[in-house]
Amino acid sequence: MDNCPLAANADQADDDGDGVGNVCEADADSDGIPDGADNCPDIANPDQEDLDGDGQGDVCDSDTDGDGIDDENARGQPLDNCPLAANPDQADTDGDGIGDECDLVNDAEYACDLGEQFSPMLTSDTDLAAEASKDRSDCLLSLGLLCDVDSPENVVDNDLANFATMLNGVDLLGLSAVRLRVATTTGFAYPGSNAVGIAFNESAQSLQTDLLGGQLIVRTLLDGAVQEESTATGALDLDLLGASGFLGGTDSSFLVFQTEQRFDSVEVEFAPSLLSLLNEVNIQAVCAAKEGL
């Protein structure tokens, strides 16, 4: 049966699957916006958001902010270091892969301590009463104690020099994952415009190697629901690939994950693959700003 009997359409294309072919469909993507007024007629976008005001909706605009730099290349890899903020010069002063226009923090100046803009999530902090926990549910049985988190409580105590060790033994297929979560227990939620800093006891070079060869993922949660998540294997949204900063007045290596949504918990997932040179990482603290940036 012809799904457009009064209009030629040999391919019988019907994007929204409603039995009416695209060429005679008044609303081909079924988003409630007539095609003639829809700024993305082939992709559902009932909100019709158009950041750069070019008449092309954000969901189908290859250059969302209209600065002349496409968001991604043909392989889906990021091109624009600030895809939601116009920055044709792509300036990136601290070299972390995030353009100055949308970078919330200068990596070289990141500092975490009591009284600093970024402070550690601690049990002793009465605003937070933070707790640390581990999740071994995705550890392969054959790995046994090689997939674990040793001393998670060290991340939330007052000693900023000690650490919790995330262990994940050799996993050739990258199927095993272990997680460390630090959560507030008072009902306090961090503001969304933030930069979560994970302080590590490894060198920046080692961290970069592991990020590029394995999987280290940071996610934020609110009331147990994931709000935002970095992608794996050294994605640019993990701001810095091992920048140097200060923790308690001493040098440390940080990964910083910029956020937009409120959160009350931070989780780090460690799942090294065949290419990863590290099978353990040592986390000293998790830091965030109590007031939005």
Protein backbone atom coordinates (compact mmCIF):
# COMPACT_ATOMS: atom_id res chain seq x y z
CA MET A 1 0.00 0.00 0.00
CA ASP A 2 1.30 3.44 -0.98
CA ASN A 3 1.78 5.63 2.10
CA CYS A 4 1.50 8.76 -0.09
CA PRO A 5 -0.97 7.86 -2.87
CA LEU A 6 -1.15 11.43 -4.19
CA ALA A 7 2.59 12.16 -4.10
CA ALA A 8 5.42 10.22 -5.72
CA ASN A 9 7.68 8.61 -3.08
CA ALA A 10 9.27 5.44 -4.37
CA ASP A 11 11.30 5.01 -1.16
CA GLN A 12 8.12 5.12 1.02
CA ALA A 13 10.17 6.88 3.73
CA ASP A 14 8.21 7.34 6.95
CA ASP A 15 10.49 8.71 9.67
CA ASP A 16 7.92 8.78 12.45
CA GLY A 17 6.38 5.42 11.51
CA ASP A 18 2.82 6.69 11.50
CA GLY A 19 1.93 5.17 8.11
CA VAL A 20 2.05 8.52 6.29
CA GLY A 21 5.08 9.05 4.05
CA ASN A 22 7.41 11.95 4.67
CA VAL A 23 6.63 13.74 1.44
CA CYS A 24 2.97 14.14 2.36
CA GLU A 25 3.33 14.36 6.11
CA ALA A 26 2.46 17.68 7.71
CA ASP A 27 4.58 16.83 10.76
CA ALA A 28 7.16 14.23 9.68
CA ASP A 29 8.93 14.01 13.05
CA SER A 30 5.70 14.04 15.11
CA ASP A 31 6.92 16.71 17.52
CA GLY A 32 3.74 18.76 17.27
CA ILE A 33 5.30 21.45 15.07
CA PRO A 34 4.11 21.61 11.43
CA ASP A 35 7.01 20.99 9.09
CA GLY A 36 6.70 24.41 7.49
CA ALA A 37 7.36 26.03 10.87
CA ASP A 38 9.65 23.36 12.33
CA ASN A 39 13.31 24.38 12.58
CA CYS A 40 14.31 20.70 12.51
CA PRO A 41 11.59 18.96 10.46
CA ASP A 42 13.41 15.62 10.34
CA ILE A 43 14.30 15.41 14.05
CA ALA A 44 11.79 15.77 16.87
CA ASN A 45 12.40 18.98 18.86
CA PRO A 46 9.16 20.30 20.30
CA ASP A 47 11.04 22.99 22.27
CA GLN A 48 12.48 24.42 18.99
CA GLU A 49 15.62 25.59 20.82
CA ASP A 50 17.97 27.57 18.57
CA LEU A 51 20.95 28.89 20.52
CA ASP A 52 22.54 30.93 17.72
CA GLY A 53 19.24 32.12 16.22
CA ASP A 54 20.11 30.93 12.72
CA GLY A 55 16.74 29.29 12.10
CA GLN A 56 18.17 25.79 12.47
CA GLY A 57 17.27 24.00 15.70
CA ASP A 58 20.06 22.95 18.03
CA VAL A 59 19.37 19.21 17.62
CA CYS A 60 20.11 19.38 13.89
CA ASP A 61 22.61 22.24 13.80
CA SER A 62 26.19 21.12 13.17
CA ASP A 63 27.44 24.42 14.65
CA THR A 64 25.20 24.98 17.67
CA ASP A 65 26.76 28.25 18.82
CA GLY A 66 27.20 29.68 15.30
CA ASP A 67 30.88 30.58 15.67
CA GLY A 68 31.98 28.93 12.43
CA ILE A 69 33.45 25.86 14.16
CA ASP A 70 31.45 22.66 13.79
CA ASP A 71 30.65 20.88 17.05
CA GLU A 72 32.04 17.56 15.76
CA ASN A 73 33.92 16.13 12.80
CA ALA A 74 32.59 13.41 10.50
CA ARG A 75 33.66 10.73 12.99
CA GLY A 76 31.70 12.29 15.84
CA GLN A 77 34.83 13.57 17.57
CA PRO A 78 34.64 17.05 19.17
CA LEU A 79 35.98 19.99 17.17
CA ASP A 80 34.63 23.03 18.99
CA ASN A 81 36.15 23.38 22.46
CA CYS A 82 33.09 25.39 23.54
CA PRO A 83 30.18 24.05 21.47
CA LEU A 84 27.57 26.05 23.40
CA ALA A 85 29.46 29.35 23.60
CA ALA A 86 30.67 31.24 20.53
CA ASN A 87 34.49 31.38 20.47
CA PRO A 88 35.81 31.44 16.91
CA ASP A 89 39.38 31.92 18.16
CA GLN A 90 39.14 28.67 20.23
CA ALA A 91 41.40 30.26 22.87
CA ASP A 92 42.41 27.78 25.58
CA THR A 93 44.83 29.47 27.98
CA ASP A 94 45.39 26.51 30.28
CA GLY A 95 45.52 23.94 27.45
CA ASP A 96 42.94 21.59 28.95
CA GLY A 97 40.82 21.19 25.83
CA ILE A 98 38.07 23.47 27.16
CA GLY A 99 37.94 26.93 25.61
CA ASP A 100 38.35 29.98 27.81
CA GLU A 101 34.82 31.10 26.96
CA CYS A 102 33.29 28.16 28.83
CA ASP A 103 36.11 27.06 31.16
CA LEU A 104 35.06 27.55 34.78
CA VAL A 105 38.49 27.12 36.30
CA ASN A 106 42.13 27.70 35.43
CA ASP A 107 43.72 24.29 35.87
CA ALA A 108 47.06 25.73 36.95
CA GLU A 109 45.37 27.50 39.86
CA TYR A 110 43.05 24.74 41.07
CA ALA A 111 43.27 24.53 44.86
CA CYS A 112 41.27 22.46 47.33
CA ASP A 113 41.31 23.05 51.08
CA LEU A 114 39.18 24.27 53.93
CA GLY A 115 38.46 27.94 53.30
CA GLU A 116 39.23 27.69 49.56
CA GLN A 117 36.65 28.15 46.83
CA PHE A 118 36.88 24.39 46.31
CA SER A 119 36.76 22.35 49.51
CA PRO A 120 37.08 18.61 50.14
CA MET A 121 33.98 16.51 50.84
CA LEU A 122 34.65 15.50 54.46
CA THR A 123 32.79 13.68 57.20
CA SER A 124 33.76 16.43 59.61
CA ASP A 125 32.17 19.13 57.45
CA THR A 126 28.82 19.68 59.20
CA ASP A 127 27.25 20.97 55.98
CA LEU A 128 27.94 17.63 54.30
CA ALA A 129 28.73 14.86 56.81
CA ALA A 130 30.18 13.10 53.78
CA GLU A 131 30.42 9.32 53.54
CA ALA A 132 32.48 7.19 51.16
CA SER A 133 31.39 3.80 49.87
CA LYS A 134 32.49 1.26 47.28
CA ASP A 135 30.63 -0.77 44.68
CA ARG A 136 32.09 -4.10 43.50
CA SER A 137 28.95 -5.35 41.76
CA ASP A 138 30.61 -5.20 38.32
CA CYS A 139 33.84 -6.90 39.39
CA LEU A 140 34.55 -10.18 37.65
CA LEU A 141 34.43 -13.06 40.12
CA SER A 142 37.76 -14.37 38.91
CA LEU A 143 39.49 -11.15 39.97
CA GLY A 144 38.59 -11.57 43.64
CA LEU A 145 40.45 -9.07 45.80
CA LEU A 146 42.12 -7.58 42.73
CA CYS A 147 38.90 -5.65 42.10
CA ASP A 148 38.17 -3.59 45.19
CA VAL A 149 38.52 -0.23 46.93
CA ASP A 150 40.86 -0.24 49.90
CA SER A 151 40.22 2.26 52.71
CA PRO A 152 37.46 4.35 51.07
CA GLU A 153 37.06 6.23 54.35
CA ASN A 154 40.44 7.89 53.73
CA VAL A 155 38.85 10.06 51.04
CA VAL A 156 36.52 11.78 53.52
CA ASP A 157 38.71 12.04 56.64
CA ASN A 158 40.66 15.13 57.67
CA ASP A 159 44.02 13.77 56.50
CA LEU A 160 44.26 15.10 52.95
CA ALA A 161 47.54 13.24 52.35
CA ASN A 162 46.20 9.69 52.77
CA PHE A 163 44.14 7.98 50.09
CA ALA A 164 41.79 5.21 49.03
CA THR A 165 43.16 2.73 46.51
CA MET A 166 40.96 1.61 43.62
CA LEU A 167 42.18 -1.80 42.44
CA ASN A 168 41.20 -3.54 39.24
CA GLY A 169 43.38 -6.47 38.13
CA VAL A 170 44.25 -7.30 34.56
CA ASP A 171 41.01 -7.42 32.57
CA LEU A 172 41.79 -8.03 28.92
CA LEU A 173 38.23 -7.41 27.77
CA GLY A 174 37.53 -4.33 29.87
CA LEU A 175 34.50 -6.00 31.47
CA SER A 176 35.33 -5.38 35.12
CA ALA A 177 34.57 -2.10 36.90
CA VAL A 178 34.88 -0.89 40.48
CA ARG A 179 33.40 2.35 41.84
CA LEU A 180 34.05 4.76 44.66
CA ARG A 181 31.25 7.10 45.70
CA VAL A 182 31.42 10.11 48.02
CA ALA A 183 28.04 11.44 49.12
CA THR A 184 26.60 14.08 51.41
CA THR A 185 24.25 12.75 54.10
CA THR A 186 22.69 16.00 55.34
CA GLY A 187 20.50 16.78 52.34
CA PHE A 188 22.99 19.36 51.07
CA ALA A 189 23.24 19.58 47.27
CA TYR A 190 26.01 21.34 45.40
CA PRO A 191 25.05 24.05 42.88
CA GLY A 192 25.14 23.00 39.26
CA SER A 193 27.68 25.45 37.87
CA ASN A 194 30.66 23.70 39.40
CA ALA A 195 33.99 22.02 38.81
CA VAL A 196 34.42 18.74 40.68
CA GLY A 197 38.07 18.00 41.37
CA ILE A 198 39.34 14.48 41.99
CA ALA A 199 42.75 14.57 43.70
CA PHE A 200 45.05 11.66 42.89
CA ASN A 201 48.27 10.39 44.38
CA GLU A 202 49.63 9.57 40.91
CA SER A 203 51.65 11.75 38.62
CA ALA A 204 49.89 13.72 35.91
CA GLN A 205 51.74 11.67 33.29
CA SER A 206 50.53 8.37 34.73
CA LEU A 207 46.98 9.65 34.89
CA GLN A 208 47.08 10.78 31.30
CA THR A 209 48.39 7.40 30.19
CA ASP A 210 45.63 5.62 32.04
CA LEU A 211 42.90 7.90 30.75
CA LEU A 212 43.99 7.36 27.19
CA GLY A 213 44.42 3.61 27.56
CA GLY A 214 41.70 2.61 29.96
CA GLN A 215 38.52 3.87 31.48
CA LEU A 216 38.23 6.40 34.26
CA ILE A 217 34.76 7.91 34.46
CA VAL A 218 33.43 10.61 36.76
CA ARG A 219 29.71 11.08 37.33
CA THR A 220 27.53 13.23 39.56
CA LEU A 221 24.30 12.07 41.17
CA LEU A 222 21.34 13.62 42.97
CA ASP A 223 19.13 11.48 45.18
CA GLY A 224 20.74 8.41 43.62
CA ALA A 225 20.02 9.42 40.00
CA VAL A 226 22.90 10.15 37.62
CA GLN A 227 22.92 13.80 36.60
CA GLU A 228 26.03 14.08 34.41
CA GLU A 229 28.77 11.72 33.35
CA SER A 230 32.12 12.07 31.65
CA THR A 231 32.79 9.74 28.78
CA ALA A 232 35.57 7.19 28.92
CA THR A 233 39.10 6.94 27.51
CA GLY A 234 40.37 10.48 27.91
CA ALA A 235 37.41 12.51 26.68
CA LEU A 236 37.81 16.26 26.71
CA ASP A 237 34.99 16.68 29.20
CA LEU A 238 37.38 15.33 31.83
CA ASP A 239 39.03 18.72 32.13
CA LEU A 240 42.79 18.43 32.10
CA LEU A 241 44.06 14.88 31.81
CA GLY A 242 46.01 15.22 35.03
CA ALA A 243 46.64 18.88 35.78
CA SER A 244 48.68 19.97 38.75
CA GLY A 245 46.96 21.86 41.55
CA PHE A 246 47.09 22.21 45.32
CA LEU A 247 45.49 20.02 47.95
CA GLY A 248 45.98 21.21 51.48
CA GLY A 249 48.80 23.47 50.30
CA THR A 250 50.82 20.75 48.57
CA ASP A 251 51.10 19.76 44.93
CA SER A 252 48.65 17.16 43.68
CA SER A 253 47.29 15.80 40.41
CA PHE A 254 43.65 16.58 39.69
CA LEU A 255 41.02 15.63 37.21
CA VAL A 256 38.31 18.26 36.98
CA PHE A 257 34.83 17.56 35.70
CA GLN A 258 32.74 20.65 34.92
CA THR A 259 29.06 20.37 35.79
CA GLU A 260 25.79 22.08 35.00
CA GLN A 261 23.35 20.11 37.18
CA ARG A 262 22.97 20.06 40.98
CA PHE A 263 24.41 17.01 42.76
CA ASP A 264 24.87 15.50 46.20
CA SER A 265 27.23 12.65 45.27
CA VAL A 266 30.29 12.10 43.12
CA GLU A 267 31.27 8.69 41.78
CA VAL A 268 34.50 7.56 40.18
CA GLU A 269 34.52 4.38 38.09
CA PHE A 270 37.76 2.57 37.29
CA ALA A 271 37.73 -0.06 34.55
CA PRO A 272 41.17 -0.47 32.98
CA SER A 273 41.48 -2.25 29.66
CA LEU A 274 44.22 -4.18 27.86
CA LEU A 275 45.91 -0.92 26.82
CA SER A 276 45.97 0.56 30.32
CA LEU A 277 49.31 0.61 32.14
CA LEU A 278 47.71 1.13 35.56
CA ASN A 279 45.68 -1.41 37.49
CA GLU A 280 45.22 0.81 40.53
CA VAL A 281 44.71 4.49 41.29
CA ASN A 282 44.95 6.32 44.61
CA ILE A 283 42.33 8.96 45.35
CA GLN A 284 43.07 11.50 48.06
CA ALA A 285 39.97 13.69 48.03
CA VAL A 286 36.91 14.83 46.09
CA CYS A 287 36.52 18.60 45.93
CA ALA A 288 33.74 20.95 44.83
CA ALA A 289 32.54 24.52 45.33
CA LYS A 290 29.68 24.99 47.78
CA GLU A 291 28.67 28.14 45.91
CA GLY A 292 28.19 28.18 42.14
CA LEU A 293 31.03 29.37 39.94
